[in-house]
Structures are given as C-alpha cells and as structure tokens.
Full PDB file with SEQRES, HELIX, SHEET, SSBOND, CRYST1, ORIGX, SCALE, CONECT and MASTER records, all heavy atoms in Angstrom:
SEQRES   1 A   39  VAL LEU ALA VAL GLU ALA LEU ALA GLY LEU HIS GLY PRO          
SEQRES   2 A   39  SER TRP CYS ASP PRO VAL TRP LEU ASP LEU PRO THR ILE          
SEQRES   3 A   39  VAL MET PRO LYS PRO GLY ASP GLU ALA ALA ALA LYS GLY          
HELIX    1 AA1 LEU A    2  HIS A   11  1                                  10    
HELIX    2 AA2 GLY A   12  SER A   14  5                                   3    
HELIX    3 AA3 PRO A   18  ASP A   22  5                                   5    
HELIX    4 AA4 GLU A   34  LYS A   38  1                                   5    
CRYST1    1.000    1.000    1.000  90.00  90.00  90.00 P 1           1          
ORIGX1      1.000000  0.000000  0.000000        0.00000                         
ORIGX2      0.000000  1.000000  0.000000        0.00000                         
ORIGX3      0.000000  0.000000  1.000000        0.00000                         
SCALE1      1.000000  0.000000  0.000000        0.00000                         
SCALE2      0.000000  1.000000  0.000000        0.00000                         
SCALE3      0.000000  0.000000  1.000000        0.00000                         
ATOM      1  N   VAL A   1      -2.351  21.361   4.892  1.00  0.00           N  
ATOM      2  CA  VAL A   1      -1.894  21.225   3.507  1.00  0.00           C  
ATOM      3  C   VAL A   1      -0.602  20.411   3.459  1.00  0.00           C  
ATOM      4  O   VAL A   1      -0.439  19.529   2.607  1.00  0.00           O  
ATOM      5  CB  VAL A   1      -1.696  22.611   2.861  1.00  0.00           C  
ATOM      6  CG1 VAL A   1      -0.978  22.476   1.520  1.00  0.00           C  
ATOM      7  CG2 VAL A   1      -3.043  23.297   2.659  1.00  0.00           C  
ATOM      8  N   LEU A   2       0.315  20.692   4.365  1.00  0.00           N  
ATOM      9  CA  LEU A   2       1.564  19.933   4.410  1.00  0.00           C  
ATOM     10  C   LEU A   2       1.303  18.449   4.649  1.00  0.00           C  
ATOM     11  O   LEU A   2       1.955  17.584   4.057  1.00  0.00           O  
ATOM     12  CB  LEU A   2       2.470  20.492   5.509  1.00  0.00           C  
ATOM     13  CG  LEU A   2       3.094  21.865   5.259  1.00  0.00           C  
ATOM     14  CD1 LEU A   2       3.818  22.342   6.516  1.00  0.00           C  
ATOM     15  CD2 LEU A   2       4.049  21.819   4.088  1.00  0.00           C  
ATOM     16  N   ALA A   3       0.336  18.152   5.524  1.00  0.00           N  
ATOM     17  CA  ALA A   3       0.013  16.751   5.824  1.00  0.00           C  
ATOM     18  C   ALA A   3      -0.540  16.044   4.600  1.00  0.00           C  
ATOM     19  O   ALA A   3      -0.153  14.903   4.281  1.00  0.00           O  
ATOM     20  CB  ALA A   3      -0.975  16.679   6.980  1.00  0.00           C  
ATOM     21  N   VAL A   4      -1.443  16.708   3.875  1.00  0.00           N  
ATOM     22  CA  VAL A   4      -2.049  16.093   2.690  1.00  0.00           C  
ATOM     23  C   VAL A   4      -0.995  15.911   1.591  1.00  0.00           C  
ATOM     24  O   VAL A   4      -0.956  14.883   0.909  1.00  0.00           O  
ATOM     25  CB  VAL A   4      -3.227  16.946   2.189  1.00  0.00           C  
ATOM     26  CG1 VAL A   4      -3.750  16.411   0.850  1.00  0.00           C  
ATOM     27  CG2 VAL A   4      -4.352  16.949   3.231  1.00  0.00           C  
ATOM     28  N   GLU A   5      -0.125  16.894   1.418  1.00  0.00           N  
ATOM     29  CA  GLU A   5       0.939  16.760   0.421  1.00  0.00           C  
ATOM     30  C   GLU A   5       1.895  15.620   0.783  1.00  0.00           C  
ATOM     31  O   GLU A   5       2.389  14.910  -0.105  1.00  0.00           O  
ATOM     32  CB  GLU A   5       1.698  18.082   0.307  1.00  0.00           C  
ATOM     33  CG  GLU A   5       0.885  19.176  -0.356  1.00  0.00           C  
ATOM     34  CD  GLU A   5       1.592  20.522  -0.376  1.00  0.00           C  
ATOM     35  OE1 GLU A   5       2.609  20.672   0.336  1.00  0.00           O  
ATOM     36  OE2 GLU A   5       1.125  21.423  -1.105  1.00  0.00           O  
ATOM     37  N   ALA A   6       2.128  15.442   2.085  1.00  0.00           N  
ATOM     38  CA  ALA A   6       2.982  14.328   2.511  1.00  0.00           C  
ATOM     39  C   ALA A   6       2.320  12.990   2.231  1.00  0.00           C  
ATOM     40  O   ALA A   6       2.991  12.016   1.855  1.00  0.00           O  
ATOM     41  CB  ALA A   6       3.316  14.459   3.991  1.00  0.00           C  
ATOM     42  N   LEU A   7       0.995  12.914   2.388  1.00  0.00           N  
ATOM     43  CA  LEU A   7       0.285  11.679   2.064  1.00  0.00           C  
ATOM     44  C   LEU A   7       0.463  11.327   0.590  1.00  0.00           C  
ATOM     45  O   LEU A   7       0.675  10.159   0.242  1.00  0.00           O  
ATOM     46  CB  LEU A   7      -1.204  11.832   2.386  1.00  0.00           C  
ATOM     47  CG  LEU A   7      -1.607  11.716   3.854  1.00  0.00           C  
ATOM     48  CD1 LEU A   7      -3.074  12.054   4.022  1.00  0.00           C  
ATOM     49  CD2 LEU A   7      -1.320  10.324   4.386  1.00  0.00           C  
ATOM     50  N   ALA A   8       0.376  12.345  -0.271  1.00  0.00           N  
ATOM     51  CA  ALA A   8       0.579  12.097  -1.698  1.00  0.00           C  
ATOM     52  C   ALA A   8       2.008  11.636  -1.964  1.00  0.00           C  
ATOM     53  O   ALA A   8       2.239  10.734  -2.772  1.00  0.00           O  
ATOM     54  CB  ALA A   8       0.280  13.380  -2.487  1.00  0.00           C  
ATOM     55  N   GLY A   9       2.967  12.233  -1.263  1.00  0.00           N  
ATOM     56  CA  GLY A   9       4.354  11.840  -1.443  1.00  0.00           C  
ATOM     57  C   GLY A   9       4.664  10.454  -0.917  1.00  0.00           C  
ATOM     58  O   GLY A   9       5.607   9.796  -1.353  1.00  0.00           O  
ATOM     59  N   LEU A  10       3.846  10.002   0.028  1.00  0.00           N  
ATOM     60  CA  LEU A  10       4.018   8.653   0.576  1.00  0.00           C  
ATOM     61  C   LEU A  10       3.414   7.604  -0.361  1.00  0.00           C  
ATOM     62  O   LEU A  10       4.044   6.590  -0.672  1.00  0.00           O  
ATOM     63  CB  LEU A  10       3.367   8.570   1.958  1.00  0.00           C  
ATOM     64  CG  LEU A  10       3.342   7.187   2.612  1.00  0.00           C  
ATOM     65  CD1 LEU A  10       4.766   6.703   2.927  1.00  0.00           C  
ATOM     66  CD2 LEU A  10       2.496   7.208   3.881  1.00  0.00           C  
ATOM     67  N   HIS A  11       2.191   7.856  -0.822  1.00  0.00           N  
ATOM     68  CA  HIS A  11       1.481   6.842  -1.592  1.00  0.00           C  
ATOM     69  C   HIS A  11       1.762   6.907  -3.086  1.00  0.00           C  
ATOM     70  O   HIS A  11       1.751   5.862  -3.757  1.00  0.00           O  
ATOM     71  CB  HIS A  11      -0.026   6.979  -1.347  1.00  0.00           C  
ATOM     72  CG  HIS A  11      -0.435   6.629   0.053  1.00  0.00           C  
ATOM     73  ND1 HIS A  11      -0.420   5.345   0.541  1.00  0.00           N  
ATOM     74  CD2 HIS A  11      -0.836   7.424   1.080  1.00  0.00           C  
ATOM     75  CE1 HIS A  11      -0.806   5.342   1.794  1.00  0.00           C  
ATOM     76  NE2 HIS A  11      -1.062   6.587   2.157  1.00  0.00           N  
ATOM     77  N   GLY A  12       2.003   8.112  -3.622  1.00  0.00           N  
ATOM     78  CA  GLY A  12       2.198   8.236  -5.056  1.00  0.00           C  
ATOM     79  C   GLY A  12       3.318   7.371  -5.615  1.00  0.00           C  
ATOM     80  O   GLY A  12       3.100   6.567  -6.537  1.00  0.00           O  
ATOM     81  N   PRO A  13       4.544   7.483  -5.090  1.00  0.00           N  
ATOM     82  CA  PRO A  13       5.655   6.708  -5.658  1.00  0.00           C  
ATOM     83  C   PRO A  13       5.513   5.202  -5.470  1.00  0.00           C  
ATOM     84  O   PRO A  13       6.191   4.427  -6.159  1.00  0.00           O  
ATOM     85  CB  PRO A  13       6.872   7.227  -4.880  1.00  0.00           C  
ATOM     86  CG  PRO A  13       6.456   8.567  -4.351  1.00  0.00           C  
ATOM     87  CD  PRO A  13       5.009   8.428  -4.058  1.00  0.00           C  
ATOM     88  N   SER A  14       4.641   4.787  -4.546  1.00  0.00           N  
ATOM     89  CA  SER A  14       4.538   3.355  -4.255  1.00  0.00           C  
ATOM     90  C   SER A  14       3.280   2.720  -4.822  1.00  0.00           C  
ATOM     91  O   SER A  14       3.074   1.510  -4.672  1.00  0.00           O  
ATOM     92  CB  SER A  14       4.561   3.149  -2.735  1.00  0.00           C  
ATOM     93  OG  SER A  14       3.443   3.794  -2.118  1.00  0.00           O  
ATOM     94  N   TRP A  15       2.456   3.516  -5.502  1.00  0.00           N  
ATOM     95  CA  TRP A  15       1.132   3.039  -5.910  1.00  0.00           C  
ATOM     96  C   TRP A  15       1.226   1.853  -6.860  1.00  0.00           C  
ATOM     97  O   TRP A  15       1.874   1.900  -7.887  1.00  0.00           O  
ATOM     98  CB  TRP A  15       0.365   4.184  -6.569  1.00  0.00           C  
ATOM     99  CG  TRP A  15      -1.113   3.913  -6.691  1.00  0.00           C  
ATOM    100  CD1 TRP A  15      -1.790   3.561  -7.818  1.00  0.00           C  
ATOM    101  CD2 TRP A  15      -2.077   3.984  -5.654  1.00  0.00           C  
ATOM    102  NE1 TRP A  15      -3.125   3.404  -7.555  1.00  0.00           N  
ATOM    103  CE2 TRP A  15      -3.339   3.666  -6.221  1.00  0.00           C  
ATOM    104  CE3 TRP A  15      -2.018   4.289  -4.290  1.00  0.00           C  
ATOM    105  CZ2 TRP A  15      -4.512   3.629  -5.466  1.00  0.00           C  
ATOM    106  CZ3 TRP A  15      -3.180   4.264  -3.542  1.00  0.00           C  
ATOM    107  CH2 TRP A  15      -4.411   3.937  -4.134  1.00  0.00           C  
ATOM    108  N   CYS A  16       0.580   0.760  -6.485  1.00  0.00           N  
ATOM    109  CA  CYS A  16       0.474  -0.468  -7.309  1.00  0.00           C  
ATOM    110  C   CYS A  16       1.828  -1.120  -7.604  1.00  0.00           C  
ATOM    111  O   CYS A  16       1.932  -1.920  -8.546  1.00  0.00           O  
ATOM    112  CB  CYS A  16      -0.260  -0.171  -8.622  1.00  0.00           C  
ATOM    113  SG  CYS A  16      -2.008   0.221  -8.407  1.00  0.00           S  
ATOM    114  N   ASP A  17       2.847  -0.794  -6.849  1.00  0.00           N  
ATOM    115  CA  ASP A  17       4.151  -1.431  -7.050  1.00  0.00           C  
ATOM    116  C   ASP A  17       4.137  -2.792  -6.364  1.00  0.00           C  
ATOM    117  O   ASP A  17       3.981  -2.865  -5.135  1.00  0.00           O  
ATOM    118  CB  ASP A  17       5.261  -0.557  -6.460  1.00  0.00           C  
ATOM    119  CG  ASP A  17       6.646  -1.035  -6.864  1.00  0.00           C  
ATOM    120  OD1 ASP A  17       6.801  -2.236  -7.166  1.00  0.00           O  
ATOM    121  OD2 ASP A  17       7.592  -0.213  -6.860  1.00  0.00           O  
ATOM    122  N   PRO A  18       4.295  -3.869  -7.105  1.00  0.00           N  
ATOM    123  CA  PRO A  18       4.216  -5.211  -6.494  1.00  0.00           C  
ATOM    124  C   PRO A  18       5.320  -5.512  -5.497  1.00  0.00           C  
ATOM    125  O   PRO A  18       5.220  -6.485  -4.749  1.00  0.00           O  
ATOM    126  CB  PRO A  18       4.301  -6.160  -7.701  1.00  0.00           C  
ATOM    127  CG  PRO A  18       4.982  -5.350  -8.765  1.00  0.00           C  
ATOM    128  CD  PRO A  18       4.533  -3.943  -8.553  1.00  0.00           C  
ATOM    129  N   VAL A  19       6.369  -4.677  -5.462  1.00  0.00           N  
ATOM    130  CA  VAL A  19       7.466  -4.945  -4.539  1.00  0.00           C  
ATOM    131  C   VAL A  19       6.991  -4.930  -3.089  1.00  0.00           C  
ATOM    132  O   VAL A  19       7.529  -5.629  -2.236  1.00  0.00           O  
ATOM    133  CB  VAL A  19       8.601  -3.907  -4.733  1.00  0.00           C  
ATOM    134  CG1 VAL A  19       8.169  -2.518  -4.261  1.00  0.00           C  
ATOM    135  CG2 VAL A  19       9.859  -4.344  -3.979  1.00  0.00           C  
ATOM    136  N   TRP A  20       5.921  -4.170  -2.811  1.00  0.00           N  
ATOM    137  CA  TRP A  20       5.451  -4.059  -1.428  1.00  0.00           C  
ATOM    138  C   TRP A  20       4.804  -5.350  -0.950  1.00  0.00           C  
ATOM    139  O   TRP A  20       4.687  -5.580   0.261  1.00  0.00           O  
ATOM    140  CB  TRP A  20       4.465  -2.899  -1.291  1.00  0.00           C  
ATOM    141  CG  TRP A  20       5.000  -1.620  -1.863  1.00  0.00           C  
ATOM    142  CD1 TRP A  20       4.466  -0.861  -2.860  1.00  0.00           C  
ATOM    143  CD2 TRP A  20       6.221  -0.960  -1.495  1.00  0.00           C  
ATOM    144  NE1 TRP A  20       5.253   0.224  -3.131  1.00  0.00           N  
ATOM    145  CE2 TRP A  20       6.345   0.186  -2.302  1.00  0.00           C  
ATOM    146  CE3 TRP A  20       7.219  -1.213  -0.550  1.00  0.00           C  
ATOM    147  CZ2 TRP A  20       7.414   1.071  -2.217  1.00  0.00           C  
ATOM    148  CZ3 TRP A  20       8.292  -0.340  -0.457  1.00  0.00           C  
ATOM    149  CH2 TRP A  20       8.382   0.778  -1.289  1.00  0.00           C  
ATOM    150  N   LEU A  21       4.377  -6.190  -1.872  1.00  0.00           N  
ATOM    151  CA  LEU A  21       3.795  -7.469  -1.474  1.00  0.00           C  
ATOM    152  C   LEU A  21       4.841  -8.408  -0.882  1.00  0.00           C  
ATOM    153  O   LEU A  21       4.497  -9.391  -0.230  1.00  0.00           O  
ATOM    154  CB  LEU A  21       3.129  -8.134  -2.678  1.00  0.00           C  
ATOM    155  CG  LEU A  21       1.933  -7.387  -3.280  1.00  0.00           C  
ATOM    156  CD1 LEU A  21       1.449  -8.114  -4.534  1.00  0.00           C  
ATOM    157  CD2 LEU A  21       0.801  -7.252  -2.273  1.00  0.00           C  
ATOM    158  N   ASP A  22       6.113  -8.102  -1.119  1.00  0.00           N  
ATOM    159  CA  ASP A  22       7.183  -8.976  -0.636  1.00  0.00           C  
ATOM    160  C   ASP A  22       7.825  -8.495   0.658  1.00  0.00           C  
ATOM    161  O   ASP A  22       8.755  -9.122   1.154  1.00  0.00           O  
ATOM    162  CB  ASP A  22       8.268  -9.111  -1.717  1.00  0.00           C  
ATOM    163  CG  ASP A  22       7.750  -9.768  -2.984  1.00  0.00           C  
ATOM    164  OD1 ASP A  22       6.869 -10.645  -2.864  1.00  0.00           O  
ATOM    165  OD2 ASP A  22       8.205  -9.401  -4.083  1.00  0.00           O  
ATOM    166  N   LEU A  23       7.352  -7.377   1.203  1.00  0.00           N  
ATOM    167  CA  LEU A  23       7.915  -6.915   2.472  1.00  0.00           C  
ATOM    168  C   LEU A  23       7.564  -7.929   3.560  1.00  0.00           C  
ATOM    169  O   LEU A  23       6.401  -8.216   3.803  1.00  0.00           O  
ATOM    170  CB  LEU A  23       7.348  -5.542   2.848  1.00  0.00           C  
ATOM    171  CG  LEU A  23       7.806  -4.356   1.987  1.00  0.00           C  
ATOM    172  CD1 LEU A  23       7.145  -3.083   2.470  1.00  0.00           C  
ATOM    173  CD2 LEU A  23       9.321  -4.212   2.027  1.00  0.00           C  
ATOM    174  N   PRO A  24       8.557  -8.478   4.247  1.00  0.00           N  
ATOM    175  CA  PRO A  24       8.285  -9.571   5.182  1.00  0.00           C  
ATOM    176  C   PRO A  24       7.600  -9.154   6.473  1.00  0.00           C  
ATOM    177  O   PRO A  24       6.924  -9.971   7.102  1.00  0.00           O  
ATOM    178  CB  PRO A  24       9.681 -10.146   5.470  1.00  0.00           C  
ATOM    179  CG  PRO A  24      10.614  -9.012   5.219  1.00  0.00           C  
ATOM    180  CD  PRO A  24      10.001  -8.217   4.098  1.00  0.00           C  
ATOM    181  N   THR A  25       7.753  -7.903   6.893  1.00  0.00           N  
ATOM    182  CA  THR A  25       7.248  -7.555   8.222  1.00  0.00           C  
ATOM    183  C   THR A  25       6.130  -6.523   8.188  1.00  0.00           C  
ATOM    184  O   THR A  25       5.833  -5.887   9.188  1.00  0.00           O  
ATOM    185  CB  THR A  25       8.384  -7.006   9.109  1.00  0.00           C  
ATOM    186  OG1 THR A  25       8.937  -5.825   8.496  1.00  0.00           O  
ATOM    187  CG2 THR A  25       9.479  -8.031   9.284  1.00  0.00           C  
ATOM    188  N   ILE A  26       5.469  -6.354   7.039  1.00  0.00           N  
ATOM    189  CA  ILE A  26       4.355  -5.422   6.981  1.00  0.00           C  
ATOM    190  C   ILE A  26       3.234  -5.922   7.890  1.00  0.00           C  
ATOM    191  O   ILE A  26       2.922  -7.104   7.923  1.00  0.00           O  
ATOM    192  CB  ILE A  26       3.863  -5.260   5.536  1.00  0.00           C  
ATOM    193  CG1 ILE A  26       2.872  -4.103   5.421  1.00  0.00           C  
ATOM    194  CG2 ILE A  26       3.261  -6.543   5.003  1.00  0.00           C  
ATOM    195  CD1 ILE A  26       2.558  -3.712   3.987  1.00  0.00           C  
ATOM    196  N   VAL A  27       2.651  -5.007   8.676  1.00  0.00           N  
ATOM    197  CA  VAL A  27       1.659  -5.415   9.663  1.00  0.00           C  
ATOM    198  C   VAL A  27       0.293  -5.640   9.033  1.00  0.00           C  
ATOM    199  O   VAL A  27      -0.389  -6.619   9.312  1.00  0.00           O  
ATOM    200  CB  VAL A  27       1.563  -4.356  10.778  1.00  0.00           C  
ATOM    201  CG1 VAL A  27       0.408  -4.667  11.710  1.00  0.00           C  
ATOM    202  CG2 VAL A  27       2.861  -4.316  11.571  1.00  0.00           C  
ATOM    203  N   MET A  28      -0.146  -4.694   8.186  1.00  0.00           N  
ATOM    204  CA  MET A  28      -1.474  -4.832   7.590  1.00  0.00           C  
ATOM    205  C   MET A  28      -1.512  -6.074   6.696  1.00  0.00           C  
ATOM    206  O   MET A  28      -0.567  -6.341   5.955  1.00  0.00           O  
ATOM    207  CB  MET A  28      -1.808  -3.598   6.761  1.00  0.00           C  
ATOM    208  CG  MET A  28      -2.029  -2.351   7.584  1.00  0.00           C  
ATOM    209  SD  MET A  28      -3.477  -2.483   8.650  1.00  0.00           S  
ATOM    210  CE  MET A  28      -4.796  -2.485   7.453  1.00  0.00           C  
ATOM    211  N   PRO A  29      -2.595  -6.832   6.761  1.00  0.00           N  
ATOM    212  CA  PRO A  29      -2.678  -8.035   5.916  1.00  0.00           C  
ATOM    213  C   PRO A  29      -2.693  -7.675   4.442  1.00  0.00           C  
ATOM    214  O   PRO A  29      -3.310  -6.700   4.047  1.00  0.00           O  
ATOM    215  CB  PRO A  29      -4.013  -8.672   6.357  1.00  0.00           C  
ATOM    216  CG  PRO A  29      -4.803  -7.537   6.928  1.00  0.00           C  
ATOM    217  CD  PRO A  29      -3.791  -6.635   7.575  1.00  0.00           C  
ATOM    218  N   LYS A  30      -1.998  -8.482   3.658  1.00  0.00           N  
ATOM    219  CA  LYS A  30      -1.975  -8.274   2.210  1.00  0.00           C  
ATOM    220  C   LYS A  30      -3.027  -9.165   1.567  1.00  0.00           C  
ATOM    221  O   LYS A  30      -3.139 -10.346   1.925  1.00  0.00           O  
ATOM    222  CB  LYS A  30      -0.569  -8.614   1.677  1.00  0.00           C  
ATOM    223  CG  LYS A  30       0.492  -7.611   2.089  1.00  0.00           C  
ATOM    224  CD  LYS A  30       1.891  -8.091   1.774  1.00  0.00           C  
ATOM    225  CE  LYS A  30       2.388  -9.058   2.823  1.00  0.00           C  
ATOM    226  NZ  LYS A  30       3.823  -9.361   2.718  1.00  0.00           N  
ATOM    227  N   PRO A  31      -3.811  -8.628   0.647  1.00  0.00           N  
ATOM    228  CA  PRO A  31      -4.886  -9.441   0.040  1.00  0.00           C  
ATOM    229  C   PRO A  31      -4.312 -10.638  -0.688  1.00  0.00           C  
ATOM    230  O   PRO A  31      -3.519 -10.494  -1.608  1.00  0.00           O  
ATOM    231  CB  PRO A  31      -5.579  -8.468  -0.917  1.00  0.00           C  
ATOM    232  CG  PRO A  31      -4.572  -7.388  -1.174  1.00  0.00           C  
ATOM    233  CD  PRO A  31      -3.765  -7.273   0.077  1.00  0.00           C  
ATOM    234  N   GLY A  32      -4.729 -11.816  -0.257  1.00  0.00           N  
ATOM    235  CA  GLY A  32      -4.201 -13.031  -0.867  1.00  0.00           C  
ATOM    236  C   GLY A  32      -5.065 -13.554  -1.992  1.00  0.00           C  
ATOM    237  O   GLY A  32      -4.665 -14.454  -2.728  1.00  0.00           O  
ATOM    238  N   ASP A  33      -6.285 -13.033  -2.133  1.00  0.00           N  
ATOM    239  CA  ASP A  33      -7.166 -13.480  -3.204  1.00  0.00           C  
ATOM    240  C   ASP A  33      -8.082 -12.330  -3.609  1.00  0.00           C  
ATOM    241  O   ASP A  33      -8.051 -11.239  -3.051  1.00  0.00           O  
ATOM    242  CB  ASP A  33      -7.985 -14.703  -2.774  1.00  0.00           C  
ATOM    243  CG  ASP A  33      -8.714 -14.456  -1.448  1.00  0.00           C  
ATOM    244  OD1 ASP A  33      -9.212 -13.323  -1.235  1.00  0.00           O  
ATOM    245  OD2 ASP A  33      -8.789 -15.396  -0.638  1.00  0.00           O  
ATOM    246  N   GLU A  34      -8.935 -12.593  -4.601  1.00  0.00           N  
ATOM    247  CA  GLU A  34      -9.794 -11.535  -5.136  1.00  0.00           C  
ATOM    248  C   GLU A  34     -10.773 -11.018  -4.097  1.00  0.00           C  
ATOM    249  O   GLU A  34     -11.069  -9.819  -4.018  1.00  0.00           O  
ATOM    250  CB  GLU A  34     -10.545 -12.076  -6.357  1.00  0.00           C  
ATOM    251  CG  GLU A  34     -11.376 -11.017  -7.075  1.00  0.00           C  
ATOM    252  CD  GLU A  34     -12.015 -11.545  -8.341  1.00  0.00           C  
ATOM    253  OE1 GLU A  34     -11.564 -12.607  -8.817  1.00  0.00           O  
ATOM    254  OE2 GLU A  34     -12.953 -10.903  -8.850  1.00  0.00           O  
ATOM    255  N   ALA A  35     -11.305 -11.899  -3.260  1.00  0.00           N  
ATOM    256  CA  ALA A  35     -12.277 -11.487  -2.253  1.00  0.00           C  
ATOM    257  C   ALA A  35     -11.641 -10.554  -1.228  1.00  0.00           C  
ATOM    258  O   ALA A  35     -12.247  -9.552  -0.819  1.00  0.00           O  
ATOM    259  CB  ALA A  35     -12.857 -12.718  -1.560  1.00  0.00           C  
ATOM    260  N   ALA A  36     -10.416 -10.872  -0.805  1.00  0.00           N  
ATOM    261  CA  ALA A  36      -9.725 -10.026   0.162  1.00  0.00           C  
ATOM    262  C   ALA A  36      -9.409  -8.667  -0.436  1.00  0.00           C  
ATOM    263  O   ALA A  36      -9.542  -7.632   0.218  1.00  0.00           O  
ATOM    264  CB  ALA A  36      -8.443 -10.716   0.640  1.00  0.00           C  
ATOM    265  N   ALA A  37      -8.997  -8.669  -1.707  1.00  0.00           N  
ATOM    266  CA  ALA A  37      -8.700  -7.405  -2.381  1.00  0.00           C  
ATOM    267  C   ALA A  37      -9.959  -6.554  -2.502  1.00  0.00           C  
ATOM    268  O   ALA A  37      -9.924  -5.338  -2.309  1.00  0.00           O  
ATOM    269  CB  ALA A  37      -8.099  -7.683  -3.763  1.00  0.00           C  
ATOM    270  N   LYS A  38     -11.092  -7.188  -2.814  1.00  0.00           N  
ATOM    271  CA  LYS A  38     -12.345  -6.448  -2.910  1.00  0.00           C  
ATOM    272  C   LYS A  38     -12.729  -5.860  -1.559  1.00  0.00           C  
ATOM    273  O   LYS A  38     -13.239  -4.735  -1.472  1.00  0.00           O  
ATOM    274  CB  LYS A  38     -13.461  -7.359  -3.413  1.00  0.00           C  
ATOM    275  CG  LYS A  38     -14.803  -6.630  -3.578  1.00  0.00           C  
ATOM    276  CD  LYS A  38     -15.887  -7.573  -4.065  1.00  0.00           C  
ATOM    277  CE  LYS A  38     -17.199  -6.796  -4.290  1.00  0.00           C  
ATOM    278  NZ  LYS A  38     -17.643  -6.114  -3.059  1.00  0.00           N  
ATOM    279  N   GLY A  39     -12.462  -6.606  -0.482  1.00  0.00           N  
ATOM    280  CA  GLY A  39     -12.774  -6.109   0.849  1.00  0.00           C  
ATOM    281  C   GLY A  39     -12.010  -4.846   1.174  1.00  0.00           C  
ATOM    282  O   GLY A  39     -12.582  -3.866   1.688  1.00  0.00           O  
TER     283      GLY A  39                                                      
MASTER        0    0    0    4    0    0    0    6  282    1    0    3          
END                                                                             
C-alpha cells in the first residue's frame, strides 16, 4: 500500500506538466510527434 501511494505521489503532481519535456538529462525518450506519443 505504501508503494502504491508513493507512485500516486510521484506521478500525480507531475501529470501532464509540460515542464518535464524540458529536462535535459531525462533518460526515457520523450515523444517528439503524434506517432511516438501514441506508441
């Protein structure tokens, strides 16, 4: 339960915030177009 609540606390405040697209060193690829976002 603690783990799941922590997941919500991690993703909830950041959900759909465009600021994360500007993080320079994020490892996971950021969708650059509609096809990538759909994937």
